[in-house]
Amino acid sequence: MSSCRQPCRTCPWRIEQHADEIPNFRLDLAEKLDATTSDQFGAPIFACHQSKAEQEVVCVGWLWRYGPDNIGIRLRLLNGQMRPEELEPDPSIELHETFQEVIEKLREDCA
């Protein structure tokens, strides 16, 4: 699983993003992504919603917020599969700070 350089235009981590603008968005699936915020071994990596099956890429919004704490991402850094710069947020892009903020916004959008 590779990553892009910046969160895509429809990334749910972007503060200005709304659920109805995210392609193929399903709230029931989004709510299951809480496990990606764990720092425990085996915690899944949050894939970009624009990924293709069997060709997933890491969600950059998530990577910038939770990547440093994810053991899978740390292993990729150690193995040279990712570069440390990929975890450095672009300060010009406003993102939610936590997954809880993301999911609350998405729930509001769907209400």
N, C-alpha and C. Protein backbone atom coordinates (compact mmCIF):
# COMPACT_ATOMS: atom_id res chain seq x y z
N MET A 1 0.85 -1.17 0.00
CA MET A 1 0.00 0.00 0.00
C MET A 1 0.89 1.23 0.00
N SER A 2 0.81 2.00 -1.04
CA SER A 2 1.60 3.23 -1.13
C SER A 2 0.73 4.40 -0.68
N SER A 3 1.26 5.60 -0.76
CA SER A 3 0.47 6.78 -0.41
C SER A 3 0.66 7.86 -1.46
N CYS A 4 -0.25 8.81 -1.48
CA CYS A 4 -0.14 9.97 -2.36
C CYS A 4 0.63 11.04 -1.61
N ARG A 5 0.82 12.18 -2.22
CA ARG A 5 1.58 13.24 -1.55
C ARG A 5 0.72 14.17 -0.72
N GLN A 6 -0.55 14.33 -1.11
CA GLN A 6 -1.46 15.20 -0.37
C GLN A 6 -2.83 14.54 -0.30
N PRO A 7 -3.63 14.94 0.69
CA PRO A 7 -4.98 14.39 0.75
C PRO A 7 -5.73 14.77 -0.53
N CYS A 8 -6.50 13.82 -1.06
CA CYS A 8 -7.24 14.11 -2.28
C CYS A 8 -8.31 15.18 -2.01
N ARG A 9 -8.83 15.75 -3.05
CA ARG A 9 -9.81 16.83 -2.94
C ARG A 9 -11.04 16.42 -2.14
N THR A 10 -11.41 15.14 -2.19
CA THR A 10 -12.60 14.66 -1.50
C THR A 10 -12.28 13.89 -0.22
N CYS A 11 -11.10 14.08 0.32
CA CYS A 11 -10.68 13.38 1.54
C CYS A 11 -11.57 13.77 2.72
N PRO A 12 -12.12 12.79 3.44
CA PRO A 12 -12.97 13.11 4.59
C PRO A 12 -12.22 13.79 5.74
N TRP A 13 -10.90 13.73 5.71
CA TRP A 13 -10.11 14.41 6.76
C TRP A 13 -10.05 15.91 6.53
N ARG A 14 -10.35 16.37 5.32
CA ARG A 14 -10.36 17.82 5.05
C ARG A 14 -11.56 18.44 5.76
N ILE A 15 -11.32 19.52 6.46
CA ILE A 15 -12.38 20.18 7.23
C ILE A 15 -13.53 20.62 6.34
N GLU A 16 -13.26 21.08 5.15
CA GLU A 16 -14.32 21.60 4.28
C GLU A 16 -15.09 20.50 3.54
N GLN A 17 -14.70 19.26 3.71
CA GLN A 17 -15.33 18.16 2.97
C GLN A 17 -16.65 17.73 3.59
N HIS A 18 -17.60 17.33 2.74
CA HIS A 18 -18.91 16.85 3.18
C HIS A 18 -19.15 15.46 2.62
N ALA A 19 -19.89 14.66 3.36
CA ALA A 19 -20.12 13.26 2.99
C ALA A 19 -20.70 13.11 1.60
N ASP A 20 -21.60 14.01 1.20
CA ASP A 20 -22.24 13.87 -0.11
C ASP A 20 -21.29 14.16 -1.28
N GLU A 21 -20.10 14.64 -0.98
CA GLU A 21 -19.11 14.92 -2.02
C GLU A 21 -18.04 13.83 -2.13
N ILE A 22 -18.11 12.85 -1.24
CA ILE A 22 -17.12 11.77 -1.22
C ILE A 22 -17.64 10.61 -2.07
N PRO A 23 -16.95 10.28 -3.14
CA PRO A 23 -17.40 9.18 -4.01
C PRO A 23 -17.57 7.87 -3.24
N ASN A 24 -18.66 7.19 -3.48
CA ASN A 24 -18.95 5.88 -2.90
C ASN A 24 -18.98 5.88 -1.38
N PHE A 25 -19.28 7.02 -0.78
CA PHE A 25 -19.28 7.11 0.69
C PHE A 25 -20.43 6.31 1.29
N ARG A 26 -20.09 5.57 2.35
CA ARG A 26 -21.10 4.86 3.14
C ARG A 26 -20.75 5.04 4.61
N LEU A 27 -21.67 5.64 5.36
CA LEU A 27 -21.44 5.92 6.77
C LEU A 27 -21.18 4.64 7.56
N ASP A 28 -21.89 3.56 7.25
CA ASP A 28 -21.70 2.31 7.99
C ASP A 28 -20.27 1.79 7.86
N LEU A 29 -19.66 1.98 6.70
CA LEU A 29 -18.27 1.55 6.52
C LEU A 29 -17.31 2.52 7.20
N ALA A 30 -17.60 3.81 7.11
CA ALA A 30 -16.73 4.82 7.73
C ALA A 30 -16.66 4.63 9.24
N GLU A 31 -17.78 4.28 9.85
CA GLU A 31 -17.79 4.10 11.31
C GLU A 31 -16.92 2.93 11.76
N LYS A 32 -16.64 2.00 10.89
CA LYS A 32 -15.80 0.84 11.24
C LYS A 32 -14.31 1.17 11.19
N LEU A 33 -13.96 2.35 10.75
CA LEU A 33 -12.56 2.72 10.59
C LEU A 33 -11.89 3.20 11.88
N ASP A 34 -12.63 3.23 12.96
CA ASP A 34 -12.08 3.64 14.24
C ASP A 34 -10.86 2.81 14.63
N ALA A 35 -10.85 1.54 14.23
CA ALA A 35 -9.72 0.66 14.57
C ALA A 35 -8.40 1.16 13.99
N THR A 36 -8.45 1.98 12.95
CA THR A 36 -7.22 2.49 12.33
C THR A 36 -6.50 3.51 13.20
N THR A 37 -7.15 3.96 14.27
CA THR A 37 -6.53 4.96 15.14
C THR A 37 -5.76 4.34 16.30
N SER A 38 -5.77 3.03 16.39
CA SER A 38 -5.07 2.34 17.48
C SER A 38 -3.57 2.32 17.23
N ASP A 39 -2.82 2.38 18.31
CA ASP A 39 -1.36 2.26 18.19
C ASP A 39 -0.89 0.84 18.50
N GLN A 40 -1.83 -0.10 18.54
CA GLN A 40 -1.51 -1.49 18.85
C GLN A 40 -1.04 -2.24 17.60
N PHE A 41 -0.23 -3.25 17.81
CA PHE A 41 0.25 -4.07 16.70
C PHE A 41 -0.95 -4.69 15.98
N GLY A 42 -0.94 -4.65 14.69
CA GLY A 42 -2.03 -5.22 13.89
C GLY A 42 -3.13 -4.25 13.56
N ALA A 43 -3.06 -3.02 14.06
CA ALA A 43 -4.09 -2.04 13.72
C ALA A 43 -4.05 -1.79 12.21
N PRO A 44 -5.22 -1.76 11.58
CA PRO A 44 -5.24 -1.56 10.13
C PRO A 44 -4.82 -0.15 9.74
N ILE A 45 -4.48 -0.02 8.48
CA ILE A 45 -4.13 1.27 7.89
C ILE A 45 -5.36 1.79 7.15
N PHE A 46 -5.63 3.06 7.29
CA PHE A 46 -6.79 3.71 6.68
C PHE A 46 -6.47 3.93 5.20
N ALA A 47 -7.20 3.26 4.34
CA ALA A 47 -6.97 3.38 2.89
C ALA A 47 -7.77 4.56 2.33
N CYS A 48 -7.25 5.17 1.30
CA CYS A 48 -7.93 6.26 0.60
C CYS A 48 -9.22 5.71 -0.03
N HIS A 49 -10.29 6.49 0.05
CA HIS A 49 -11.57 6.06 -0.51
C HIS A 49 -11.53 5.96 -2.04
N GLN A 50 -10.50 6.49 -2.66
CA GLN A 50 -10.38 6.40 -4.12
C GLN A 50 -9.51 5.21 -4.55
N SER A 51 -9.07 4.42 -3.58
CA SER A 51 -8.26 3.24 -3.90
C SER A 51 -9.07 2.25 -4.72
N LYS A 52 -8.34 1.49 -5.51
CA LYS A 52 -8.96 0.39 -6.25
C LYS A 52 -8.69 -0.90 -5.49
N ALA A 53 -9.60 -1.86 -5.63
CA ALA A 53 -9.42 -3.14 -4.95
C ALA A 53 -8.05 -3.73 -5.32
N GLU A 54 -7.37 -4.25 -4.33
CA GLU A 54 -6.05 -4.86 -4.49
C GLU A 54 -4.96 -3.84 -4.87
N GLN A 55 -5.30 -2.55 -4.91
CA GLN A 55 -4.32 -1.50 -5.22
C GLN A 55 -4.52 -0.32 -4.26
N GLU A 56 -4.74 -0.64 -2.99
CA GLU A 56 -5.03 0.41 -2.02
C GLU A 56 -3.83 1.33 -1.82
N VAL A 57 -4.16 2.58 -1.56
CA VAL A 57 -3.15 3.56 -1.17
C VAL A 57 -3.56 4.12 0.19
N VAL A 58 -2.60 4.52 0.97
CA VAL A 58 -2.85 5.08 2.29
C VAL A 58 -3.53 6.44 2.14
N CYS A 59 -4.54 6.68 2.97
CA CYS A 59 -5.19 8.00 3.02
C CYS A 59 -4.19 8.97 3.64
N VAL A 60 -3.87 10.02 2.91
CA VAL A 60 -2.85 10.97 3.40
C VAL A 60 -3.37 11.77 4.59
N GLY A 61 -4.65 12.12 4.60
CA GLY A 61 -5.19 12.83 5.76
C GLY A 61 -5.00 12.02 7.02
N TRP A 62 -5.34 10.73 6.95
CA TRP A 62 -5.13 9.83 8.10
C TRP A 62 -3.64 9.69 8.40
N LEU A 63 -2.83 9.54 7.37
CA LEU A 63 -1.39 9.35 7.55
C LEU A 63 -0.77 10.50 8.33
N TRP A 64 -1.18 11.71 8.00
CA TRP A 64 -0.64 12.88 8.68
C TRP A 64 -1.07 12.95 10.13
N ARG A 65 -2.22 12.38 10.47
CA ARG A 65 -2.71 12.44 11.85
C ARG A 65 -2.33 11.22 12.68
N TYR A 66 -2.41 10.02 12.09
CA TYR A 66 -2.21 8.80 12.86
C TYR A 66 -1.04 7.94 12.39
N GLY A 67 -0.47 8.24 11.25
CA GLY A 67 0.62 7.42 10.72
C GLY A 67 1.79 7.21 11.65
N PRO A 68 2.27 8.27 12.33
CA PRO A 68 3.42 8.08 13.22
C PRO A 68 3.17 7.09 14.35
N ASP A 69 1.90 6.89 14.72
CA ASP A 69 1.57 5.98 15.82
C ASP A 69 1.21 4.58 15.35
N ASN A 70 1.07 4.39 14.06
CA ASN A 70 0.65 3.09 13.51
C ASN A 70 1.88 2.21 13.30
N ILE A 71 1.85 1.03 13.88
CA ILE A 71 3.01 0.14 13.80
C ILE A 71 3.29 -0.29 12.36
N GLY A 72 2.23 -0.51 11.58
CA GLY A 72 2.42 -0.87 10.17
C GLY A 72 3.16 0.22 9.41
N ILE A 73 2.83 1.47 9.68
CA ILE A 73 3.53 2.60 9.04
C ILE A 73 4.96 2.68 9.54
N ARG A 74 5.18 2.47 10.82
CA ARG A 74 6.55 2.49 11.35
C ARG A 74 7.41 1.42 10.70
N LEU A 75 6.82 0.23 10.50
CA LEU A 75 7.57 -0.84 9.83
C LEU A 75 7.90 -0.46 8.39
N ARG A 76 6.99 0.18 7.72
CA ARG A 76 7.26 0.63 6.34
C ARG A 76 8.41 1.64 6.31
N LEU A 77 8.43 2.52 7.30
CA LEU A 77 9.53 3.48 7.40
C LEU A 77 10.86 2.76 7.62
N LEU A 78 10.87 1.80 8.55
CA LEU A 78 12.09 1.04 8.84
C LEU A 78 12.58 0.24 7.64
N ASN A 79 11.63 -0.29 6.86
CA ASN A 79 11.98 -1.11 5.70
C ASN A 79 12.23 -0.28 4.43
N GLY A 80 12.13 1.03 4.54
CA GLY A 80 12.37 1.89 3.39
C GLY A 80 11.22 1.92 2.38
N GLN A 81 10.04 1.41 2.77
CA GLN A 81 8.89 1.42 1.88
C GLN A 81 8.20 2.78 1.87
N MET A 82 8.48 3.58 2.87
CA MET A 82 7.97 4.95 2.96
C MET A 82 9.10 5.84 3.42
N ARG A 83 8.97 7.12 3.11
CA ARG A 83 9.95 8.10 3.56
C ARG A 83 9.35 8.93 4.70
N PRO A 84 10.14 9.33 5.68
CA PRO A 84 9.62 10.13 6.80
C PRO A 84 8.87 11.39 6.35
N GLU A 85 9.28 11.97 5.24
CA GLU A 85 8.63 13.20 4.74
C GLU A 85 7.16 12.97 4.43
N GLU A 86 6.79 11.73 4.13
CA GLU A 86 5.39 11.44 3.79
C GLU A 86 4.47 11.64 4.99
N LEU A 87 5.03 11.66 6.19
CA LEU A 87 4.23 11.84 7.39
C LEU A 87 4.15 13.29 7.85
N GLU A 88 4.81 14.19 7.11
CA GLU A 88 4.84 15.60 7.48
C GLU A 88 3.68 16.34 6.83
N PRO A 89 2.73 16.85 7.64
CA PRO A 89 1.57 17.55 7.09
C PRO A 89 1.94 18.84 6.37
N ASP A 90 1.14 19.17 5.38
CA ASP A 90 1.24 20.44 4.68
C ASP A 90 0.40 21.42 5.50
N PRO A 91 1.00 22.43 6.11
CA PRO A 91 0.24 23.34 6.97
C PRO A 91 -0.82 24.16 6.23
N SER A 92 -0.78 24.19 4.92
CA SER A 92 -1.78 24.95 4.16
C SER A 92 -3.09 24.17 3.98
N ILE A 93 -3.10 22.89 4.35
CA ILE A 93 -4.30 22.07 4.21
C ILE A 93 -4.90 21.85 5.60
N GLU A 94 -6.14 22.32 5.77
CA GLU A 94 -6.81 22.19 7.06
C GLU A 94 -7.46 20.82 7.19
N LEU A 95 -7.03 20.08 8.21
CA LEU A 95 -7.56 18.74 8.45
C LEU A 95 -8.16 18.65 9.85
N HIS A 96 -9.10 17.72 10.02
CA HIS A 96 -9.59 17.41 11.35
C HIS A 96 -8.41 16.85 12.14
N GLU A 97 -8.42 17.07 13.44
CA GLU A 97 -7.34 16.59 14.30
C GLU A 97 -7.49 15.12 14.65
N THR A 98 -8.73 14.64 14.78
CA THR A 98 -8.96 13.28 15.24
C THR A 98 -9.99 12.57 14.36
N PHE A 99 -9.98 11.25 14.43
CA PHE A 99 -10.99 10.46 13.73
C PHE A 99 -12.37 10.78 14.27
N GLN A 100 -12.47 11.03 15.58
CA GLN A 100 -13.76 11.36 16.18
C GLN A 100 -14.35 12.61 15.52
N GLU A 101 -13.53 13.62 15.26
CA GLU A 101 -14.01 14.82 14.58
C GLU A 101 -14.51 14.48 13.17
N VAL A 102 -13.75 13.64 12.47
CA VAL A 102 -14.13 13.24 11.11
C VAL A 102 -15.48 12.55 11.12
N ILE A 103 -15.63 11.55 11.97
CA ILE A 103 -16.86 10.75 11.95
C ILE A 103 -18.06 11.57 12.43
N GLU A 104 -17.86 12.46 13.38
CA GLU A 104 -18.97 13.32 13.82
C GLU A 104 -19.44 14.22 12.68
N LYS A 105 -18.49 14.78 11.94
CA LYS A 105 -18.87 15.62 10.79
C LYS A 105 -19.62 14.79 9.74
N LEU A 106 -19.14 13.59 9.45
CA LEU A 106 -19.80 12.75 8.46
C LEU A 106 -21.21 12.35 8.93
N ARG A 107 -21.36 12.07 10.21
CA ARG A 107 -22.68 11.75 10.74
C ARG A 107 -23.64 12.92 10.61
N GLU A 108 -23.15 14.13 10.92
CA GLU A 108 -23.97 15.33 10.77
C GLU A 108 -24.41 15.51 9.32
N ASP A 109 -23.49 15.28 8.40
CA ASP A 109 -23.81 15.43 6.98
C ASP A 109 -24.88 14.44 6.54
N CYS A 110 -24.89 13.27 7.15
CA CYS A 110 -25.83 12.22 6.74
C CYS A 110 -27.18 12.31 7.45
N ALA A 111 -27.24 13.15 8.50
CA ALA A 111 -28.50 13.26 9.28
C ALA A 111 -29.58 13.99 8.49
